[in-house]
Amino acid sequence: MLSKAQISLITSLQHKKFRSQHQLFVVEGIKSVKEFINSSYKIQKIWATADAVAKVGKIPQNIKLEEVTVQEFGKISSLKNPQGALALVELPKSDDLNLADLQNKHSLVLDDVQDPGNLGTIIRTAEWFGMENIICSIGTVDAYNPKVVQATMGSLSRIKIHYVDLLQFFNQCDLPSFGALLDGDSIYETDFADAGLIIMGNEGNGISEEIISKIQKKVTIPRIGQAESLNVAVATTIFCSEISRQKLTRKNG
């Protein structure tokens, strides 16, 4: 049976303050819980209904599992349509970003992306196109926000997320930088080479002026219709797709 203390802890983790305090975050949903079980993350405990236990499948012996009723699960779920499985997961230790890990590959850089759904979609997109690292400004939404975790559909378990002072980062990193801006060269006429940093900006304000000053190549997605702008997650997908296309073209000669 779920105790009041357990319910209080789990629901408190909706807020970044308490995630930082307890060094824990919540993963909810059958698919997402299964993904984290098979990842390098350390799961403290899983709560699941009888139906969900069967769907989650085999759980390692070192992970505690508590079966709860549908009514009990409703007290800890943050979803409108709960799937009956929730895991309490330890936050990864914040190791310093090793710039050597970014060499010979493309990485995403997010300048104050605010919407949890956008960040979640960007993380899923990064994994789809084989990107391993996402470098976020301190002002970017927390990747362990339950809404972000949910939107990643498990991809968060395999993508490395780094929160850094972007100005300091650009001063130390010598990789080519490509910024998504309205006044740049066409993405389809830009050579992204074999490595680089792809910078995406805030939903309302785009890339900040101080970060624009660090961009070596301004790139735009040509507009054909009348829309003022593209959603940042959609724009990121287009950038990742074009970079992937160029890599495949070079590989296939």
C-alpha atoms as a PDB file:
ATOM      1  CA  MET A   1       0.000   0.000   0.000  1.00  0.00           C
ATOM      2  CA  LEU A   2       1.236   3.465  -0.867  1.00  0.00           C
ATOM      3  CA  SER A   3       2.072   5.521   2.210  1.00  0.00           C
ATOM      4  CA  LYS A   4       1.330   9.227   2.544  1.00  0.00           C
ATOM      5  CA  ALA A   5       5.076   9.872   2.620  1.00  0.00           C
ATOM      6  CA  GLN A   6       5.574   8.025  -0.691  1.00  0.00           C
ATOM      7  CA  ILE A   7       2.700   9.897  -2.331  1.00  0.00           C
ATOM      8  CA  SER A   8       4.081  13.203  -1.040  1.00  0.00           C
ATOM      9  CA  LEU A   9       7.588  12.421  -2.335  1.00  0.00           C
ATOM     10  CA  ILE A  10       6.448  11.324  -5.792  1.00  0.00           C
ATOM     11  CA  THR A  11       4.112  14.273  -6.320  1.00  0.00           C
ATOM     12  CA  SER A  12       6.743  16.735  -5.049  1.00  0.00           C
ATOM     13  CA  LEU A  13       9.052  15.640  -7.871  1.00  0.00           C
ATOM     14  CA  GLN A  14       6.854  17.548 -10.296  1.00  0.00           C
ATOM     15  CA  HIS A  15       8.964  20.520  -9.169  1.00  0.00           C
ATOM     16  CA  LYS A  16      12.652  21.045  -9.984  1.00  0.00           C
ATOM     17  CA  LYS A  17      13.412  22.201  -6.432  1.00  0.00           C
ATOM     18  CA  PHE A  18      12.467  18.830  -4.993  1.00  0.00           C
ATOM     19  CA  ARG A  19      14.081  16.849  -7.821  1.00  0.00           C
ATOM     20  CA  SER A  20      17.335  18.608  -6.939  1.00  0.00           C
ATOM     21  CA  GLN A  21      16.791  18.129  -3.219  1.00  0.00           C
ATOM     22  CA  HIS A  22      16.087  14.386  -3.444  1.00  0.00           C
ATOM     23  CA  GLN A  23      18.229  13.738  -6.537  1.00  0.00           C
ATOM     24  CA  LEU A  24      15.323  11.810  -8.026  1.00  0.00           C
ATOM     25  CA  PHE A  25      12.911  12.130 -10.941  1.00  0.00           C
ATOM     26  CA  VAL A  26       9.795  10.321 -12.119  1.00  0.00           C
ATOM     27  CA  VAL A  27       9.408   8.171 -15.223  1.00  0.00           C
ATOM     28  CA  GLU A  28       5.829   7.237 -16.055  1.00  0.00           C
ATOM     29  CA  GLY A  29       4.331   4.984 -18.720  1.00  0.00           C
ATOM     30  CA  ILE A  30       4.945   1.354 -19.589  1.00  0.00           C
ATOM     31  CA  LYS A  31       7.260   1.971 -22.564  1.00  0.00           C
ATOM     32  CA  SER A  32       9.303   4.635 -20.794  1.00  0.00           C
ATOM     33  CA  VAL A  33       9.715   2.555 -17.632  1.00  0.00           C
ATOM     34  CA  LYS A  34      10.894  -0.410 -19.729  1.00  0.00           C
ATOM     35  CA  GLU A  35      13.435   1.805 -21.522  1.00  0.00           C
ATOM     36  CA  PHE A  36      14.899   3.064 -18.241  1.00  0.00           C
ATOM     37  CA  ILE A  37      15.049  -0.470 -16.805  1.00  0.00           C
ATOM     38  CA  ASN A  38      17.357  -1.345 -19.702  1.00  0.00           C
ATOM     39  CA  SER A  39      19.477   1.805 -19.400  1.00  0.00           C
ATOM     40  CA  SER A  40      22.431   2.907 -17.287  1.00  0.00           C
ATOM     41  CA  TYR A  41      20.124   4.888 -14.975  1.00  0.00           C
ATOM     42  CA  LYS A  42      19.618   3.591 -11.441  1.00  0.00           C
ATOM     43  CA  ILE A  43      15.976   2.913 -10.614  1.00  0.00           C
ATOM     44  CA  GLN A  44      15.120   3.203  -6.940  1.00  0.00           C
ATOM     45  CA  LYS A  45      11.634   1.705  -7.106  1.00  0.00           C
ATOM     46  CA  ILE A  46       8.735   0.910  -9.432  1.00  0.00           C
ATOM     47  CA  TRP A  47       5.035   1.111  -8.621  1.00  0.00           C
ATOM     48  CA  ALA A  48       2.660  -0.655 -11.011  1.00  0.00           C
ATOM     49  CA  THR A  49      -0.851  -2.039 -11.243  1.00  0.00           C
ATOM     50  CA  ALA A  50      -1.363  -5.768 -11.856  1.00  0.00           C
ATOM     51  CA  ASP A  51      -2.062  -5.206 -15.565  1.00  0.00           C
ATOM     52  CA  ALA A  52       0.996  -3.004 -15.974  1.00  0.00           C
ATOM     53  CA  VAL A  53       3.311  -5.464 -14.217  1.00  0.00           C
ATOM     54  CA  ALA A  54       2.542  -8.029 -16.901  1.00  0.00           C
ATOM     55  CA  LYS A  55       3.194  -5.491 -19.679  1.00  0.00           C
ATOM     56  CA  VAL A  56       6.451  -4.159 -18.219  1.00  0.00           C
ATOM     57  CA  GLY A  57       7.843  -7.692 -18.251  1.00  0.00           C
ATOM     58  CA  LYS A  58      10.889  -8.978 -16.405  1.00  0.00           C
ATOM     59  CA  ILE A  59      12.285  -6.607 -13.798  1.00  0.00           C
ATOM     60  CA  PRO A  60      15.827  -7.153 -12.449  1.00  0.00           C
ATOM     61  CA  GLN A  61      15.979  -8.410  -8.862  1.00  0.00           C
ATOM     62  CA  ASN A  62      17.892  -5.330  -7.720  1.00  0.00           C
ATOM     63  CA  ILE A  63      14.915  -3.084  -8.543  1.00  0.00           C
ATOM     64  CA  LYS A  64      12.140  -2.907  -5.958  1.00  0.00           C
ATOM     65  CA  LEU A  65       8.633  -3.389  -7.335  1.00  0.00           C
ATOM     66  CA  GLU A  66       5.429  -2.628  -5.458  1.00  0.00           C
ATOM     67  CA  GLU A  67       2.079  -3.600  -6.921  1.00  0.00           C
ATOM     68  CA  VAL A  68      -0.716  -1.090  -6.292  1.00  0.00           C
ATOM     69  CA  THR A  69      -4.389  -0.812  -7.131  1.00  0.00           C
ATOM     70  CA  VAL A  70      -5.663   1.392  -9.945  1.00  0.00           C
ATOM     71  CA  GLN A  71      -7.117   3.736  -7.324  1.00  0.00           C
ATOM     72  CA  GLU A  72      -3.790   4.012  -5.501  1.00  0.00           C
ATOM     73  CA  PHE A  73      -1.907   4.593  -8.729  1.00  0.00           C
ATOM     74  CA  GLY A  74      -4.193   7.497  -9.549  1.00  0.00           C
ATOM     75  CA  LYS A  75      -2.817   9.310  -6.499  1.00  0.00           C
ATOM     76  CA  ILE A  76       0.732   9.394  -7.893  1.00  0.00           C
ATOM     77  CA  SER A  77       0.126   9.648 -11.642  1.00  0.00           C
ATOM     78  CA  SER A  78       0.439  12.990 -13.434  1.00  0.00           C
ATOM     79  CA  LEU A  79      -1.155  11.709 -16.647  1.00  0.00           C
ATOM     80  CA  LYS A  80      -4.771  12.193 -17.719  1.00  0.00           C
ATOM     81  CA  ASN A  81      -4.824   8.554 -18.837  1.00  0.00           C
ATOM     82  CA  PRO A  82      -2.453   6.672 -16.490  1.00  0.00           C
ATOM     83  CA  GLN A  83      -0.828   3.520 -17.875  1.00  0.00           C
ATOM     84  CA  GLY A  84      -0.243   2.013 -14.446  1.00  0.00           C
ATOM     85  CA  ALA A  85       3.573   2.049 -14.272  1.00  0.00           C
ATOM     86  CA  LEU A  86       5.799   4.627 -12.565  1.00  0.00           C
ATOM     87  CA  ALA A  87       9.474   4.518 -11.662  1.00  0.00           C
ATOM     88  CA  LEU A  88      11.493   6.586  -9.237  1.00  0.00           C
ATOM     89  CA  VAL A  89      14.880   7.152 -10.895  1.00  0.00           C
ATOM     90  CA  GLU A  90      18.095   8.686  -9.585  1.00  0.00           C
ATOM     91  CA  LEU A  91      19.336  11.813 -11.342  1.00  0.00           C
ATOM     92  CA  PRO A  92      22.619  11.194 -13.161  1.00  0.00           C
ATOM     93  CA  LYS A  93      25.714  12.658 -11.580  1.00  0.00           C
ATOM     94  CA  SER A  94      26.526  15.983 -13.253  1.00  0.00           C
ATOM     95  CA  ASP A  95      29.914  15.182 -14.749  1.00  0.00           C
ATOM     96  CA  ASP A  96      31.730  17.990 -16.529  1.00  0.00           C
ATOM     97  CA  LEU A  97      31.203  18.026 -20.282  1.00  0.00           C
ATOM     98  CA  ASN A  98      34.223  16.543 -22.018  1.00  0.00           C
ATOM     99  CA  LEU A  99      34.739  18.517 -25.230  1.00  0.00           C
ATOM    100  CA  ALA A 100      36.613  15.565 -26.726  1.00  0.00           C
ATOM    101  CA  ASP A 101      33.307  13.660 -26.746  1.00  0.00           C
ATOM    102  CA  LEU A 102      31.904  16.178 -29.235  1.00  0.00           C
ATOM    103  CA  GLN A 103      34.628  15.739 -31.834  1.00  0.00           C
ATOM    104  CA  ASN A 104      33.843  14.165 -35.233  1.00  0.00           C
ATOM    105  CA  LYS A 105      30.080  14.418 -34.752  1.00  0.00           C
ATOM    106  CA  HIS A 106      27.223  16.908 -34.686  1.00  0.00           C
ATOM    107  CA  SER A 107      25.621  18.016 -31.441  1.00  0.00           C
ATOM    108  CA  LEU A 108      22.602  20.167 -30.668  1.00  0.00           C
ATOM    109  CA  VAL A 109      22.902  23.359 -28.623  1.00  0.00           C
ATOM    110  CA  LEU A 110      19.700  24.782 -27.112  1.00  0.00           C
ATOM    111  CA  ASP A 111      19.554  28.440 -26.100  1.00  0.00           C
ATOM    112  CA  ASP A 112      16.762  28.799 -23.515  1.00  0.00           C
ATOM    113  CA  VAL A 113      14.197  26.398 -25.014  1.00  0.00           C
ATOM    114  CA  GLN A 114      11.302  26.683 -22.547  1.00  0.00           C
ATOM    115  CA  ASP A 115       8.525  24.305 -23.534  1.00  0.00           C
ATOM    116  CA  PRO A 116       8.780  20.780 -22.037  1.00  0.00           C
ATOM    117  CA  GLY A 117       7.065  19.249 -25.050  1.00  0.00           C
ATOM    118  CA  ASN A 118       9.552  20.889 -27.409  1.00  0.00           C
ATOM    119  CA  LEU A 119      12.552  19.633 -25.426  1.00  0.00           C
ATOM    120  CA  GLY A 120      11.085  16.144 -25.230  1.00  0.00           C
ATOM    121  CA  THR A 121      10.527  16.063 -28.987  1.00  0.00           C
ATOM    122  CA  ILE A 122      14.047  17.395 -29.618  1.00  0.00           C
ATOM    123  CA  ILE A 123      15.526  14.619 -27.466  1.00  0.00           C
ATOM    124  CA  ARG A 124      13.563  11.974 -29.415  1.00  0.00           C
ATOM    125  CA  THR A 125      14.644  13.583 -32.694  1.00  0.00           C
ATOM    126  CA  ALA A 126      18.292  13.617 -31.619  1.00  0.00           C
ATOM    127  CA  GLU A 127      18.198   9.905 -30.904  1.00  0.00           C
ATOM    128  CA  TRP A 128      16.415   9.112 -34.196  1.00  0.00           C
ATOM    129  CA  PHE A 129      19.172  10.831 -36.157  1.00  0.00           C
ATOM    130  CA  GLY A 130      22.014   9.404 -34.085  1.00  0.00           C
ATOM    131  CA  MET A 131      23.051  12.496 -32.152  1.00  0.00           C
ATOM    132  CA  GLU A 132      24.493  11.611 -28.756  1.00  0.00           C
ATOM    133  CA  ASN A 133      24.749  14.959 -26.954  1.00  0.00           C
ATOM    134  CA  ILE A 134      22.500  17.945 -26.346  1.00  0.00           C
ATOM    135  CA  ILE A 135      24.107  21.000 -24.767  1.00  0.00           C
ATOM    136  CA  CYS A 136      21.582  23.233 -23.000  1.00  0.00           C
ATOM    137  CA  SER A 137      21.830  26.754 -21.625  1.00  0.00           C
ATOM    138  CA  ILE A 138      21.192  27.076 -17.899  1.00  0.00           C
ATOM    139  CA  GLY A 139      17.859  28.704 -18.775  1.00  0.00           C
ATOM    140  CA  THR A 140      16.607  25.759 -20.835  1.00  0.00           C
ATOM    141  CA  VAL A 141      13.755  23.755 -19.284  1.00  0.00           C
ATOM    142  CA  ASP A 142      14.879  20.900 -17.032  1.00  0.00           C
ATOM    143  CA  ALA A 143      15.206  17.644 -18.989  1.00  0.00           C
ATOM    144  CA  TYR A 144      13.925  15.741 -15.936  1.00  0.00           C
ATOM    145  CA  ASN A 145      10.679  17.670 -15.779  1.00  0.00           C
ATOM    146  CA  PRO A 146       7.953  14.950 -15.917  1.00  0.00           C
ATOM    147  CA  LYS A 147       6.463  16.476 -19.075  1.00  0.00           C
ATOM    148  CA  VAL A 148       9.842  16.371 -20.822  1.00  0.00           C
ATOM    149  CA  VAL A 149      10.494  12.799 -19.681  1.00  0.00           C
ATOM    150  CA  GLN A 150       7.069  11.742 -20.930  1.00  0.00           C
ATOM    151  CA  ALA A 151       7.555  13.445 -24.310  1.00  0.00           C
ATOM    152  CA  THR A 152      10.886  11.688 -24.913  1.00  0.00           C
ATOM    153  CA  MET A 153       9.171   8.266 -24.872  1.00  0.00           C
ATOM    154  CA  GLY A 154      12.281   6.685 -23.385  1.00  0.00           C
ATOM    155  CA  SER A 155      14.892   8.426 -25.549  1.00  0.00           C
ATOM    156  CA  LEU A 156      16.109  10.399 -22.523  1.00  0.00           C
ATOM    157  CA  SER A 157      17.581   7.137 -21.204  1.00  0.00           C
ATOM    158  CA  ARG A 158      20.096   7.113 -24.072  1.00  0.00           C
ATOM    159  CA  ILE A 159      20.865  10.787 -24.819  1.00  0.00           C
ATOM    160  CA  LYS A 160      23.427  12.782 -22.818  1.00  0.00           C
ATOM    161  CA  ILE A 161      22.050  16.134 -21.664  1.00  0.00           C
ATOM    162  CA  HIS A 162      24.473  18.824 -20.476  1.00  0.00           C
ATOM    163  CA  TYR A 163      23.562  22.152 -18.826  1.00  0.00           C
ATOM    164  CA  VAL A 164      26.326  24.716 -19.240  1.00  0.00           C
ATOM    165  CA  ASP A 165      27.100  28.408 -19.429  1.00  0.00           C
ATOM    166  CA  LEU A 166      26.875  28.708 -23.216  1.00  0.00           C
ATOM    167  CA  LEU A 167      29.217  31.688 -23.543  1.00  0.00           C
ATOM    168  CA  GLN A 168      31.896  29.881 -21.582  1.00  0.00           C
ATOM    169  CA  PHE A 169      31.251  26.737 -23.612  1.00  0.00           C
ATOM    170  CA  PHE A 170      31.693  28.527 -26.958  1.00  0.00           C
ATOM    171  CA  ASN A 171      34.874  30.155 -25.716  1.00  0.00           C
ATOM    172  CA  GLN A 172      36.339  26.717 -25.053  1.00  0.00           C
ATOM    173  CA  CYS A 173      34.950  24.709 -27.978  1.00  0.00           C
ATOM    174  CA  ASP A 174      36.537  25.044 -31.428  1.00  0.00           C
ATOM    175  CA  LEU A 175      33.933  23.116 -33.439  1.00  0.00           C
ATOM    176  CA  PRO A 176      32.139  24.889 -36.320  1.00  0.00           C
ATOM    177  CA  SER A 177      28.884  26.497 -35.140  1.00  0.00           C
ATOM    178  CA  PHE A 178      25.699  26.702 -37.202  1.00  0.00           C
ATOM    179  CA  GLY A 179      22.842  28.889 -35.949  1.00  0.00           C
ATOM    180  CA  ALA A 180      19.189  28.574 -36.965  1.00  0.00           C
ATOM    181  CA  LEU A 181      18.244  32.123 -37.954  1.00  0.00           C
ATOM    182  CA  LEU A 182      15.837  33.792 -40.372  1.00  0.00           C
ATOM    183  CA  ASP A 183      18.549  35.781 -42.158  1.00  0.00           C
ATOM    184  CA  GLY A 184      20.970  32.945 -42.893  1.00  0.00           C
ATOM    185  CA  ASP A 185      21.925  30.938 -45.955  1.00  0.00           C
ATOM    186  CA  SER A 186      19.596  28.167 -47.071  1.00  0.00           C
ATOM    187  CA  ILE A 187      19.947  24.942 -45.110  1.00  0.00           C
ATOM    188  CA  TYR A 188      19.920  23.109 -48.459  1.00  0.00           C
ATOM    189  CA  GLU A 189      22.952  25.051 -49.678  1.00  0.00           C
ATOM    190  CA  THR A 190      24.936  24.716 -46.440  1.00  0.00           C
ATOM    191  CA  ASP A 191      27.702  22.163 -46.031  1.00  0.00           C
ATOM    192  CA  PHE A 192      27.486  20.892 -42.447  1.00  0.00           C
ATOM    193  CA  ALA A 193      30.718  18.897 -42.916  1.00  0.00           C
ATOM    194  CA  ASP A 194      31.468  16.002 -40.561  1.00  0.00           C
ATOM    195  CA  ALA A 195      31.098  17.787 -37.236  1.00  0.00           C
ATOM    196  CA  GLY A 196      29.666  20.895 -35.660  1.00  0.00           C
ATOM    197  CA  LEU A 197      27.286  22.527 -33.229  1.00  0.00           C
ATOM    198  CA  ILE A 198      23.689  23.150 -34.309  1.00  0.00           C
ATOM    199  CA  ILE A 199      22.262  26.053 -32.305  1.00  0.00           C
ATOM    200  CA  MET A 200      18.520  26.394 -31.810  1.00  0.00           C
ATOM    201  CA  GLY A 201      16.906  29.337 -30.024  1.00  0.00           C
ATOM    202  CA  ASN A 202      14.106  30.198 -27.643  1.00  0.00           C
ATOM    203  CA  GLU A 203      10.510  29.747 -28.850  1.00  0.00           C
ATOM    204  CA  GLY A 204       9.665  33.443 -28.724  1.00  0.00           C
ATOM    205  CA  ASN A 205      12.985  35.251 -29.011  1.00  0.00           C
ATOM    206  CA  GLY A 206      15.170  32.922 -31.047  1.00  0.00           C
ATOM    207  CA  ILE A 207      18.897  32.810 -30.359  1.00  0.00           C
ATOM    208  CA  SER A 208      20.113  35.499 -27.944  1.00  0.00           C
ATOM    209  CA  GLU A 209      22.346  38.274 -29.258  1.00  0.00           C
ATOM    210  CA  GLU A 210      25.330  37.179 -27.159  1.00  0.00           C
ATOM    211  CA  ILE A 211      25.146  33.678 -28.619  1.00  0.00           C
ATOM    212  CA  ILE A 212      24.581  34.975 -32.166  1.00  0.00           C
ATOM    213  CA  SER A 213      27.982  36.626 -31.860  1.00  0.00           C
ATOM    214  CA  LYS A 214      29.507  33.149 -31.473  1.00  0.00           C
ATOM    215  CA  ILE A 215      27.843  31.696 -34.581  1.00  0.00           C
ATOM    216  CA  GLN A 216      30.159  31.063 -37.520  1.00  0.00           C
ATOM    217  CA  LYS A 217      27.468  30.169 -40.054  1.00  0.00           C
ATOM    218  CA  LYS A 218      23.895  31.484 -40.058  1.00  0.00           C
ATOM    219  CA  VAL A 219      21.459  29.008 -41.577  1.00  0.00           C
ATOM    220  CA  THR A 220      17.775  29.308 -42.428  1.00  0.00           C
ATOM    221  CA  ILE A 221      15.028  26.946 -43.572  1.00  0.00           C
ATOM    222  CA  PRO A 222      13.622  28.632 -46.718  1.00  0.00           C
ATOM    223  CA  ARG A 223      10.067  29.847 -46.254  1.00  0.00           C
ATOM    224  CA  ILE A 224       7.627  29.260 -49.094  1.00  0.00           C
ATOM    225  CA  GLY A 225       4.318  30.001 -47.346  1.00  0.00           C
ATOM    226  CA  GLN A 226       3.214  32.855 -45.075  1.00  0.00           C
ATOM    227  CA  ALA A 227       3.917  31.473 -41.586  1.00  0.00           C
ATOM    228  CA  GLU A 228       6.075  33.817 -39.467  1.00  0.00           C
ATOM    229  CA  SER A 229       8.166  31.068 -37.910  1.00  0.00           C
ATOM    230  CA  LEU A 230       8.593  27.354 -37.296  1.00  0.00           C
ATOM    231  CA  ASN A 231       8.193  25.539 -34.002  1.00  0.00           C
ATOM    232  CA  VAL A 232      11.694  24.953 -32.583  1.00  0.00           C
ATOM    233  CA  ALA A 233      11.215  21.196 -32.359  1.00  0.00           C
ATOM    234  CA  VAL A 234      10.071  21.043 -35.992  1.00  0.00           C
ATOM    235  CA  ALA A 235      12.989  23.220 -37.102  1.00  0.00           C
ATOM    236  CA  THR A 236      15.412  20.996 -35.180  1.00  0.00           C
ATOM    237  CA  THR A 237      14.015  17.945 -36.946  1.00  0.00           C
ATOM    238  CA  ILE A 238      14.571  19.558 -40.354  1.00  0.00           C
ATOM    239  CA  PHE A 239      18.175  20.442 -39.442  1.00  0.00           C
ATOM    240  CA  CYS A 240      18.882  16.920 -38.162  1.00  0.00           C
ATOM    241  CA  SER A 241      17.324  15.405 -41.280  1.00  0.00           C
ATOM    242  CA  GLU A 242      19.421  17.520 -43.658  1.00  0.00           C
ATOM    243  CA  ILE A 243      22.629  16.775 -41.727  1.00  0.00           C
ATOM    244  CA  SER A 244      21.804  13.067 -41.855  1.00  0.00           C
ATOM    245  CA  ARG A 245      21.062  13.277 -45.598  1.00  0.00           C
ATOM    246  CA  GLN A 246      24.428  14.898 -46.244  1.00  0.00           C
ATOM    247  CA  LYS A 247      26.243  12.242 -44.218  1.00  0.00           C
ATOM    248  CA  LEU A 248      24.526   9.431 -46.104  1.00  0.00           C
ATOM    249  CA  THR A 249      25.310  11.106 -49.428  1.00  0.00           C
ATOM    250  CA  ARG A 250      29.011  11.338 -48.564  1.00  0.00           C
ATOM    251  CA  LYS A 251      29.043   7.766 -47.288  1.00  0.00           C
ATOM    252  CA  ASN A 252      27.455   6.411 -50.442  1.00  0.00           C
ATOM    253  CA  GLY A 253      29.668   8.485 -52.701  1.00  0.00           C
END
